[in-house]
Amino acid sequence: MEDRKRPCRRELLNWINVVSFAADDTKLFLDTHPYNQEALQCFDALKKQRADSLREYARYYGPLTLDTAASGADCWRWINDPWPWQEGGC
């Protein structure tokens, strides 16, 4: 049942790239408009979406960043899976 909920690896990685780009772009806007409330709210929402997506990716495919790396006995499991830039797909 858990595998039915498994997101497509390629689509999830693409979404992480999209939301990361949007967050970075918003952050650049905030460099020159630090008090823009709409931009601040947008940045907070994008940052949360990115963090949630990174956690979901790590859950199914292994960590992409240090923030989502596991600790303990299972911490090196991801080394056996294909790397994000290798062929994989869904």
Protein backbone atom coordinates (compact mmCIF):
# COMPACT_ATOMS: atom_id res chain seq x y z
CA MET A 1 0.00 0.00 0.00
CA GLU A 2 2.88 2.37 0.80
CA ASP A 3 4.31 2.02 -2.73
CA ARG A 4 1.00 3.20 -4.23
CA LYS A 5 1.51 6.53 -2.49
CA ARG A 6 5.14 6.76 -3.65
CA PRO A 7 5.58 9.86 -5.79
CA CYS A 8 7.35 9.73 -9.12
CA ARG A 9 11.02 10.37 -8.38
CA ARG A 10 11.60 12.51 -11.46
CA GLU A 11 8.47 14.61 -10.92
CA LEU A 12 9.28 15.18 -7.25
CA LEU A 13 12.85 16.18 -8.07
CA ASN A 14 11.54 18.54 -10.73
CA TRP A 15 9.12 20.09 -8.21
CA ILE A 16 11.97 20.58 -5.72
CA ASN A 17 13.91 22.43 -8.42
CA VAL A 18 10.89 24.60 -9.28
CA VAL A 19 10.07 25.55 -5.70
CA SER A 20 13.78 26.10 -4.89
CA PHE A 21 14.14 28.47 -7.84
CA ALA A 22 11.00 30.37 -6.82
CA ALA A 23 12.22 30.67 -3.22
CA ASP A 24 15.64 31.92 -4.37
CA ASP A 25 14.05 34.42 -6.73
CA THR A 26 11.74 35.69 -3.99
CA LYS A 27 14.72 35.95 -1.64
CA LEU A 28 16.51 38.14 -4.20
CA PHE A 29 13.43 40.38 -4.44
CA LEU A 30 13.42 40.67 -0.65
CA ASP A 31 17.02 41.90 -0.74
CA THR A 32 15.73 45.14 -2.27
CA HIS A 33 12.21 45.10 -0.77
CA PRO A 34 12.72 43.74 2.76
CA TYR A 35 9.40 45.03 4.13
CA ASN A 36 7.13 43.79 1.35
CA GLN A 37 4.60 41.71 3.28
CA GLU A 38 3.29 39.85 0.24
CA ALA A 39 6.81 38.78 -0.72
CA LEU A 40 7.60 37.75 2.87
CA GLN A 41 4.47 35.57 3.01
CA CYS A 42 5.28 34.09 -0.40
CA PHE A 43 8.84 33.33 0.70
CA ASP A 44 7.65 31.62 3.90
CA ALA A 45 5.18 29.48 1.91
CA LEU A 46 7.82 28.52 -0.66
CA LYS A 47 10.35 27.71 2.04
CA LYS A 48 7.82 25.38 3.71
CA GLN A 49 6.91 23.71 0.39
CA ARG A 50 10.60 23.15 -0.34
CA ALA A 51 11.29 21.67 3.11
CA ASP A 52 8.23 19.40 2.88
CA SER A 53 9.23 18.23 -0.60
CA LEU A 54 12.82 17.54 0.48
CA ARG A 55 11.54 15.47 3.42
CA GLU A 56 9.20 13.54 1.12
CA TYR A 57 12.00 12.87 -1.35
CA ALA A 58 14.28 11.68 1.48
CA ARG A 59 11.56 9.39 2.79
CA TYR A 60 11.28 7.49 -0.49
CA TYR A 61 14.59 8.00 -2.28
CA GLY A 62 17.20 9.18 0.21
CA PRO A 63 18.42 12.63 1.25
CA LEU A 64 19.27 15.40 -1.19
CA THR A 65 20.58 17.73 1.48
CA LEU A 66 22.24 17.42 4.85
CA ASP A 67 19.02 18.67 6.46
CA THR A 68 17.15 15.54 5.39
CA ALA A 69 19.88 12.98 6.09
CA ALA A 70 18.89 10.36 8.64
CA SER A 71 20.98 9.34 11.60
CA GLY A 72 21.38 5.99 13.27
CA ALA A 73 21.68 2.50 11.83
CA ASP A 74 19.79 3.36 8.63
CA CYS A 75 21.75 6.54 7.86
CA TRP A 76 23.77 5.14 4.91
CA ARG A 77 20.90 3.33 3.17
CA TRP A 78 20.70 6.02 0.48
CA ILE A 79 24.18 5.16 -0.83
CA ASN A 80 22.74 2.01 -2.46
CA ASP A 81 20.04 3.85 -4.44
CA PRO A 82 20.58 5.66 -7.75
CA TRP A 83 21.82 9.23 -7.35
CA PRO A 84 19.41 12.00 -8.39
CA TRP A 85 21.35 12.70 -11.61
CA GLN A 86 21.42 9.04 -12.66
CA GLU A 87 18.69 7.39 -14.67
CA GLY A 88 15.83 6.30 -12.49
CA GLY A 89 12.41 7.59 -13.32
CA CYS A 90 9.35 6.50 -11.41
